Amino acid sequence: MFDNLFQPSHLIVILVIALLIFGPRKLPELGKGLGEGLRGFKQGIKGDPEATITKSEAPKTEPASEVK
């Protein structure tokens, strides 16, 4: 049933539909978010609590003062 699911023509159609729905500017952000989510999931499965800290949970640092 799913033998011929991921043929190149199918993947191109899926990419075109995603491009039409999200637009060319939003698509890279969605890919980045998906990659970070998968990476966090894999690290969570491994049981590494330090590696699962996201950027929003990281300690805030003071911005460098501007030089005039």
N, C-alpha and C. Protein backbone atom coordinates (compact mmCIF):
# COMPACT_ATOMS: atom_id res chain seq x y z
N MET A 1 0.81 -1.19 0.00
CA MET A 1 0.00 0.00 0.00
C MET A 1 0.86 1.26 0.00
N PHE A 2 1.89 1.30 0.86
CA PHE A 2 2.75 2.47 0.95
C PHE A 2 4.09 2.26 0.27
N ASP A 3 4.16 1.34 -0.66
CA ASP A 3 5.43 1.03 -1.32
C ASP A 3 5.96 2.20 -2.14
N ASN A 4 5.11 2.88 -2.86
CA ASN A 4 5.54 3.97 -3.75
C ASN A 4 5.18 5.34 -3.19
N LEU A 5 5.22 5.49 -1.87
CA LEU A 5 4.77 6.73 -1.26
C LEU A 5 5.76 7.88 -1.47
N PHE A 6 7.04 7.64 -1.32
CA PHE A 6 8.03 8.71 -1.37
C PHE A 6 8.81 8.73 -2.68
N GLN A 7 8.12 8.78 -3.76
CA GLN A 7 8.76 8.94 -5.05
C GLN A 7 9.08 10.42 -5.24
N PRO A 8 10.08 10.75 -6.05
CA PRO A 8 10.44 12.16 -6.26
C PRO A 8 9.28 13.04 -6.72
N SER A 9 8.42 12.51 -7.57
CA SER A 9 7.30 13.32 -8.03
C SER A 9 6.34 13.66 -6.89
N HIS A 10 6.14 12.73 -5.96
CA HIS A 10 5.27 12.99 -4.81
C HIS A 10 5.89 14.04 -3.91
N LEU A 11 7.20 13.94 -3.68
CA LEU A 11 7.87 14.91 -2.82
C LEU A 11 7.85 16.31 -3.41
N ILE A 12 7.95 16.42 -4.73
CA ILE A 12 7.88 17.72 -5.39
C ILE A 12 6.49 18.32 -5.22
N VAL A 13 5.46 17.52 -5.36
CA VAL A 13 4.09 18.00 -5.18
C VAL A 13 3.89 18.49 -3.74
N ILE A 14 4.39 17.75 -2.77
CA ILE A 14 4.27 18.16 -1.37
C ILE A 14 5.01 19.46 -1.13
N LEU A 15 6.19 19.62 -1.70
CA LEU A 15 6.96 20.85 -1.54
C LEU A 15 6.23 22.04 -2.16
N VAL A 16 5.64 21.86 -3.33
CA VAL A 16 4.90 22.94 -4.00
C VAL A 16 3.68 23.34 -3.17
N ILE A 17 2.97 22.38 -2.63
CA ILE A 17 1.81 22.68 -1.80
C ILE A 17 2.24 23.43 -0.53
N ALA A 18 3.31 23.00 0.11
CA ALA A 18 3.81 23.69 1.30
C ALA A 18 4.24 25.11 0.95
N LEU A 19 4.86 25.30 -0.18
CA LEU A 19 5.29 26.62 -0.62
C LEU A 19 4.08 27.53 -0.85
N LEU A 20 3.02 26.99 -1.43
CA LEU A 20 1.82 27.78 -1.66
C LEU A 20 1.12 28.14 -0.36
N ILE A 21 1.12 27.23 0.59
CA ILE A 21 0.42 27.48 1.86
C ILE A 21 1.20 28.45 2.74
N PHE A 22 2.50 28.22 2.93
CA PHE A 22 3.27 28.99 3.89
C PHE A 22 4.05 30.15 3.27
N GLY A 23 4.34 30.10 2.00
CA GLY A 23 5.09 31.16 1.35
C GLY A 23 6.59 30.94 1.45
N PRO A 24 7.35 31.60 0.58
CA PRO A 24 8.80 31.37 0.55
C PRO A 24 9.54 31.94 1.75
N ARG A 25 8.97 32.92 2.44
CA ARG A 25 9.67 33.50 3.59
C ARG A 25 9.47 32.68 4.86
N LYS A 26 8.35 32.04 5.00
CA LYS A 26 8.04 31.30 6.22
C LYS A 26 8.56 29.87 6.18
N LEU A 27 8.77 29.32 5.00
CA LEU A 27 9.17 27.92 4.86
C LEU A 27 10.51 27.61 5.54
N PRO A 28 11.57 28.42 5.40
CA PRO A 28 12.82 28.12 6.10
C PRO A 28 12.68 28.16 7.63
N GLU A 29 11.84 29.07 8.12
CA GLU A 29 11.61 29.14 9.57
C GLU A 29 10.92 27.88 10.07
N LEU A 30 9.97 27.38 9.29
CA LEU A 30 9.28 26.15 9.67
C LEU A 30 10.23 24.95 9.66
N GLY A 31 11.11 24.91 8.66
CA GLY A 31 12.10 23.83 8.60
C GLY A 31 13.05 23.88 9.78
N LYS A 32 13.48 25.07 10.15
CA LYS A 32 14.38 25.22 11.29
C LYS A 32 13.69 24.78 12.58
N GLY A 33 12.45 25.20 12.75
CA GLY A 33 11.70 24.81 13.94
C GLY A 33 11.47 23.31 14.02
N LEU A 34 11.19 22.71 12.88
CA LEU A 34 11.01 21.26 12.84
C LEU A 34 12.30 20.53 13.19
N GLY A 35 13.42 21.02 12.65
CA GLY A 35 14.71 20.41 12.96
C GLY A 35 15.08 20.53 14.42
N GLU A 36 14.83 21.70 15.01
CA GLU A 36 15.12 21.88 16.43
C GLU A 36 14.22 21.00 17.29
N GLY A 37 12.97 20.86 16.87
CA GLY A 37 12.05 20.01 17.62
C GLY A 37 12.47 18.54 17.58
N LEU A 38 12.88 18.08 16.41
CA LEU A 38 13.35 16.69 16.29
C LEU A 38 14.62 16.47 17.10
N ARG A 39 15.52 17.45 17.06
CA ARG A 39 16.77 17.35 17.83
C ARG A 39 16.48 17.29 19.32
N GLY A 40 15.57 18.13 19.79
CA GLY A 40 15.19 18.12 21.20
C GLY A 40 14.51 16.82 21.59
N PHE A 41 13.69 16.28 20.71
CA PHE A 41 13.02 15.01 20.98
C PHE A 41 14.04 13.89 21.11
N LYS A 42 15.01 13.84 20.19
CA LYS A 42 16.03 12.79 20.25
C LYS A 42 16.87 12.90 21.51
N GLN A 43 17.22 14.14 21.88
CA GLN A 43 18.01 14.33 23.10
C GLN A 43 17.20 13.98 24.34
N GLY A 44 15.89 14.26 24.30
CA GLY A 44 15.03 13.89 25.41
C GLY A 44 14.90 12.38 25.55
N ILE A 45 14.87 11.68 24.44
CA ILE A 45 14.80 10.22 24.48
C ILE A 45 16.08 9.64 25.08
N LYS A 46 17.21 10.26 24.74
CA LYS A 46 18.49 9.79 25.28
C LYS A 46 18.59 10.04 26.78
N GLY A 47 17.83 11.02 27.30
CA GLY A 47 17.86 11.31 28.73
C GLY A 47 18.91 12.33 29.11
N ASP A 48 19.30 13.19 28.21
CA ASP A 48 20.29 14.23 28.49
C ASP A 48 19.56 15.52 28.84
N PRO A 49 19.31 15.81 30.14
CA PRO A 49 18.50 16.98 30.50
C PRO A 49 19.17 18.30 30.16
N GLU A 50 20.48 18.39 30.18
CA GLU A 50 21.18 19.63 29.88
C GLU A 50 21.04 20.00 28.41
N ALA A 51 20.98 19.02 27.54
CA ALA A 51 20.93 19.27 26.10
C ALA A 51 19.54 19.68 25.63
N THR A 52 18.51 19.52 26.48
CA THR A 52 17.16 19.84 26.07
C THR A 52 16.77 21.28 26.37
N ILE A 53 17.67 22.08 26.92
CA ILE A 53 17.37 23.48 27.21
C ILE A 53 17.29 24.24 25.89
N THR A 54 16.18 24.91 25.69
CA THR A 54 16.02 25.68 24.46
C THR A 54 16.57 27.08 24.64
N LYS A 55 16.61 27.83 23.56
CA LYS A 55 17.13 29.19 23.63
C LYS A 55 16.29 30.06 24.54
N SER A 56 14.99 29.86 24.58
CA SER A 56 14.13 30.68 25.43
C SER A 56 14.34 30.38 26.90
N GLU A 57 14.81 29.18 27.24
CA GLU A 57 15.05 28.81 28.62
C GLU A 57 16.48 29.12 29.06
N ALA A 58 17.36 29.46 28.14
CA ALA A 58 18.75 29.74 28.46
C ALA A 58 18.83 31.03 29.26
N PRO A 59 19.84 31.15 30.12
CA PRO A 59 19.99 32.38 30.91
C PRO A 59 20.16 33.59 30.00
N LYS A 60 19.52 34.69 30.38
CA LYS A 60 19.61 35.91 29.58
C LYS A 60 20.92 36.61 29.87
N THR A 61 21.53 37.15 28.82
CA THR A 61 22.76 37.90 28.98
C THR A 61 22.48 39.35 28.63
N GLU A 62 23.24 40.23 29.23
CA GLU A 62 23.09 41.65 28.96
C GLU A 62 23.68 41.98 27.60
N PRO A 63 22.99 42.79 26.79
CA PRO A 63 23.56 43.16 25.49
C PRO A 63 24.78 44.06 25.68
N ALA A 64 25.70 43.95 24.76
CA ALA A 64 26.92 44.76 24.83
C ALA A 64 26.55 46.23 24.60
N SER A 65 27.26 47.11 25.32
CA SER A 65 26.97 48.53 25.16
C SER A 65 27.45 48.99 23.79
N GLU A 66 26.71 49.92 23.21
CA GLU A 66 27.04 50.40 21.88
C GLU A 66 28.18 51.40 21.93
N VAL A 67 29.08 51.28 20.99
CA VAL A 67 30.21 52.20 20.89
C VAL A 67 29.82 53.33 19.95
N LYS A 68 30.00 54.58 20.42
CA LYS A 68 29.63 55.73 19.58
C LYS A 68 30.83 56.39 19.00
